[in-house]
Amino acid sequence: MQRFIIPIFLILAFFLAACVNAPQNGNSVATGSSNQTNKDPNRRIKIGFAMDTQKEERWVRDREAFEAHCKQLNV
């Protein structure tokens, strides 16, 4: 019976530690994207677009369609 007490205690300790909330001090990694202080409404959005190659006609058409749509949205 005594050899089961330590593993049960460890499992209970890990379970209780997992149930504790993280501190809400605003320095967490999850809020990294919300740290931007530039709230300028006229600021244009910059979108990155990675493609394997532009040697194929399909990729060139996709890029042109993407750029046209972005220009239409003013981004």
N, C-alpha and C. Protein backbone atom coordinates (compact mmCIF):
# COMPACT_ATOMS: atom_id res chain seq x y z
N MET A 1 0.81 -1.20 0.00
CA MET A 1 0.00 0.00 0.00
C MET A 1 0.86 1.26 0.00
N GLN A 2 1.95 1.21 0.74
CA GLN A 2 2.79 2.40 0.86
C GLN A 2 3.51 2.73 -0.44
N ARG A 3 3.76 1.75 -1.30
CA ARG A 3 4.44 2.04 -2.56
C ARG A 3 3.53 2.75 -3.56
N PHE A 4 2.23 2.78 -3.31
CA PHE A 4 1.29 3.49 -4.17
C PHE A 4 1.06 4.94 -3.73
N ILE A 5 1.45 5.27 -2.53
CA ILE A 5 1.18 6.61 -2.00
C ILE A 5 1.98 7.67 -2.75
N ILE A 6 3.25 7.45 -2.99
CA ILE A 6 4.10 8.45 -3.67
C ILE A 6 3.65 8.67 -5.11
N PRO A 7 3.42 7.63 -5.93
CA PRO A 7 2.93 7.89 -7.29
C PRO A 7 1.57 8.59 -7.32
N ILE A 8 0.69 8.22 -6.42
CA ILE A 8 -0.62 8.87 -6.36
C ILE A 8 -0.45 10.33 -5.97
N PHE A 9 0.41 10.61 -5.01
CA PHE A 9 0.67 11.99 -4.60
C PHE A 9 1.26 12.80 -5.76
N LEU A 10 2.19 12.22 -6.52
CA LEU A 10 2.79 12.93 -7.65
C LEU A 10 1.76 13.20 -8.75
N ILE A 11 0.93 12.24 -9.03
CA ILE A 11 -0.12 12.43 -10.04
C ILE A 11 -1.08 13.53 -9.59
N LEU A 12 -1.45 13.52 -8.33
CA LEU A 12 -2.34 14.55 -7.80
C LEU A 12 -1.67 15.92 -7.85
N ALA A 13 -0.39 16.00 -7.53
CA ALA A 13 0.33 17.27 -7.58
C ALA A 13 0.40 17.81 -9.00
N PHE A 14 0.70 16.96 -9.98
CA PHE A 14 0.74 17.40 -11.38
C PHE A 14 -0.64 17.83 -11.85
N PHE A 15 -1.66 17.12 -11.44
CA PHE A 15 -3.02 17.49 -11.83
C PHE A 15 -3.40 18.85 -11.27
N LEU A 16 -3.10 19.09 -10.01
CA LEU A 16 -3.42 20.38 -9.39
C LEU A 16 -2.60 21.51 -10.01
N ALA A 17 -1.34 21.24 -10.34
CA ALA A 17 -0.51 22.27 -10.98
C ALA A 17 -1.04 22.61 -12.37
N ALA A 18 -1.59 21.64 -13.06
CA ALA A 18 -2.13 21.88 -14.40
C ALA A 18 -3.43 22.67 -14.35
N CYS A 19 -4.12 22.63 -13.23
CA CYS A 19 -5.40 23.33 -13.11
C CYS A 19 -5.25 24.80 -12.70
N VAL A 20 -4.05 25.23 -12.37
CA VAL A 20 -3.83 26.60 -11.91
C VAL A 20 -3.77 27.52 -13.12
N ASN A 21 -4.41 28.69 -13.03
CA ASN A 21 -4.37 29.68 -14.10
C ASN A 21 -3.02 30.37 -14.15
N ALA A 22 -2.63 30.78 -15.35
CA ALA A 22 -1.40 31.54 -15.53
C ALA A 22 -1.63 32.97 -15.05
N PRO A 23 -0.58 33.66 -14.61
CA PRO A 23 -0.76 35.05 -14.17
C PRO A 23 -1.20 35.94 -15.33
N GLN A 24 -2.05 36.89 -15.06
CA GLN A 24 -2.61 37.78 -16.07
C GLN A 24 -1.93 39.14 -16.02
N ASN A 25 -0.60 39.17 -16.19
CA ASN A 25 0.12 40.43 -16.08
C ASN A 25 0.36 41.09 -17.43
N GLY A 26 -0.09 40.52 -18.52
CA GLY A 26 0.05 41.14 -19.83
C GLY A 26 1.38 40.89 -20.50
N ASN A 27 2.26 40.14 -19.88
CA ASN A 27 3.57 39.86 -20.48
C ASN A 27 3.65 38.47 -21.06
N SER A 28 2.54 37.84 -21.29
CA SER A 28 2.55 36.47 -21.79
C SER A 28 2.83 36.45 -23.28
N VAL A 29 3.26 35.31 -23.77
CA VAL A 29 3.58 35.15 -25.18
C VAL A 29 2.32 35.17 -26.03
N ALA A 30 1.21 34.73 -25.50
CA ALA A 30 -0.03 34.65 -26.26
C ALA A 30 -0.53 36.02 -26.70
N THR A 31 -0.15 37.08 -25.99
CA THR A 31 -0.61 38.41 -26.36
C THR A 31 0.44 39.17 -27.14
N GLY A 32 1.41 38.48 -27.71
CA GLY A 32 2.48 39.15 -28.44
C GLY A 32 2.00 39.95 -29.63
N SER A 33 0.98 39.48 -30.33
CA SER A 33 0.51 40.20 -31.52
C SER A 33 -0.34 41.41 -31.16
N SER A 34 -0.83 41.48 -29.94
CA SER A 34 -1.66 42.61 -29.55
C SER A 34 -0.85 43.74 -28.92
N ASN A 35 0.49 43.63 -28.92
CA ASN A 35 1.33 44.65 -28.32
C ASN A 35 1.57 45.83 -29.24
N GLN A 36 1.02 45.83 -30.42
CA GLN A 36 1.25 46.92 -31.35
C GLN A 36 0.54 48.16 -30.86
N THR A 37 1.30 49.26 -30.76
CA THR A 37 0.73 50.50 -30.26
C THR A 37 0.32 51.44 -31.38
N ASN A 38 0.66 51.11 -32.62
CA ASN A 38 0.32 51.96 -33.75
C ASN A 38 -1.12 51.69 -34.16
N LYS A 39 -2.02 52.58 -33.80
CA LYS A 39 -3.45 52.41 -34.09
C LYS A 39 -3.90 53.35 -35.19
N ASP A 40 -3.02 53.69 -36.11
CA ASP A 40 -3.34 54.61 -37.19
C ASP A 40 -4.35 53.97 -38.13
N PRO A 41 -5.54 54.54 -38.29
CA PRO A 41 -6.56 53.93 -39.15
C PRO A 41 -6.19 54.01 -40.64
N ASN A 42 -5.29 54.90 -41.02
CA ASN A 42 -4.90 55.04 -42.42
C ASN A 42 -3.72 54.15 -42.79
N ARG A 43 -3.22 53.40 -41.85
CA ARG A 43 -2.08 52.52 -42.09
C ARG A 43 -2.50 51.36 -42.98
N ARG A 44 -1.73 51.13 -44.04
CA ARG A 44 -2.06 50.04 -44.96
C ARG A 44 -1.58 48.71 -44.40
N ILE A 45 -2.32 47.68 -44.70
CA ILE A 45 -1.97 46.33 -44.27
C ILE A 45 -0.96 45.76 -45.25
N LYS A 46 0.08 45.12 -44.72
CA LYS A 46 1.08 44.48 -45.57
C LYS A 46 0.88 42.97 -45.47
N ILE A 47 0.71 42.33 -46.62
CA ILE A 47 0.46 40.90 -46.68
C ILE A 47 1.63 40.23 -47.37
N GLY A 48 2.16 39.18 -46.75
CA GLY A 48 3.22 38.39 -47.36
C GLY A 48 2.64 37.22 -48.12
N PHE A 49 3.28 36.86 -49.22
CA PHE A 49 2.77 35.78 -50.06
C PHE A 49 3.97 34.96 -50.52
N ALA A 50 4.13 33.75 -50.01
CA ALA A 50 5.27 32.90 -50.36
C ALA A 50 4.85 31.87 -51.39
N MET A 51 5.63 31.79 -52.46
CA MET A 51 5.35 30.82 -53.52
C MET A 51 6.62 30.03 -53.80
N ASP A 52 6.44 28.80 -54.22
CA ASP A 52 7.57 27.93 -54.50
C ASP A 52 8.36 28.45 -55.69
N THR A 53 7.68 28.75 -56.77
CA THR A 53 8.35 29.22 -57.98
C THR A 53 7.35 29.99 -58.82
N GLN A 54 7.85 30.80 -59.72
CA GLN A 54 6.98 31.48 -60.66
C GLN A 54 7.27 31.00 -62.08
N LYS A 55 7.86 29.84 -62.19
CA LYS A 55 8.17 29.28 -63.50
C LYS A 55 6.94 28.66 -64.15
N GLU A 56 5.96 28.30 -63.34
CA GLU A 56 4.75 27.70 -63.89
C GLU A 56 3.70 28.78 -64.09
N GLU A 57 2.96 28.65 -65.16
CA GLU A 57 1.96 29.66 -65.52
C GLU A 57 0.88 29.80 -64.45
N ARG A 58 0.54 28.68 -63.83
CA ARG A 58 -0.51 28.72 -62.81
C ARG A 58 -0.12 29.62 -61.65
N TRP A 59 1.13 29.56 -61.22
CA TRP A 59 1.57 30.38 -60.09
C TRP A 59 1.60 31.86 -60.47
N VAL A 60 1.94 32.15 -61.71
CA VAL A 60 1.94 33.55 -62.16
C VAL A 60 0.51 34.08 -62.18
N ARG A 61 -0.43 33.27 -62.66
CA ARG A 61 -1.84 33.70 -62.67
C ARG A 61 -2.36 33.88 -61.25
N ASP A 62 -2.00 32.97 -60.35
CA ASP A 62 -2.43 33.09 -58.96
C ASP A 62 -1.88 34.37 -58.32
N ARG A 63 -0.61 34.67 -58.58
CA ARG A 63 0.00 35.88 -58.02
C ARG A 63 -0.70 37.13 -58.56
N GLU A 64 -0.96 37.15 -59.85
CA GLU A 64 -1.62 38.31 -60.45
C GLU A 64 -3.04 38.48 -59.92
N ALA A 65 -3.76 37.38 -59.75
CA ALA A 65 -5.11 37.45 -59.20
C ALA A 65 -5.07 37.92 -57.75
N PHE A 66 -4.10 37.44 -57.00
CA PHE A 66 -3.95 37.84 -55.60
C PHE A 66 -3.63 39.33 -55.50
N GLU A 67 -2.71 39.81 -56.33
CA GLU A 67 -2.35 41.23 -56.31
C GLU A 67 -3.53 42.10 -56.73
N ALA A 68 -4.31 41.66 -57.71
CA ALA A 68 -5.47 42.43 -58.15
C ALA A 68 -6.51 42.52 -57.04
N HIS A 69 -6.72 41.42 -56.34
CA HIS A 69 -7.69 41.42 -55.25
C HIS A 69 -7.21 42.31 -54.10
N CYS A 70 -5.92 42.27 -53.80
CA CYS A 70 -5.37 43.13 -52.75
C CYS A 70 -5.48 44.60 -53.13
N LYS A 71 -5.23 44.91 -54.39
CA LYS A 71 -5.35 46.29 -54.84
C LYS A 71 -6.80 46.76 -54.73
N GLN A 72 -7.74 45.86 -55.02
CA GLN A 72 -9.15 46.19 -54.92
C GLN A 72 -9.54 46.48 -53.47
N LEU A 73 -8.92 45.76 -52.53
CA LEU A 73 -9.20 45.96 -51.11
C LEU A 73 -8.36 47.08 -50.50
N ASN A 74 -7.44 47.64 -51.27
CA ASN A 74 -6.54 48.70 -50.82
C ASN A 74 -5.62 48.23 -49.69
N VAL A 75 -5.08 47.04 -49.87
CA VAL A 75 -4.10 46.53 -48.90
C VAL A 75 -2.80 46.23 -49.59
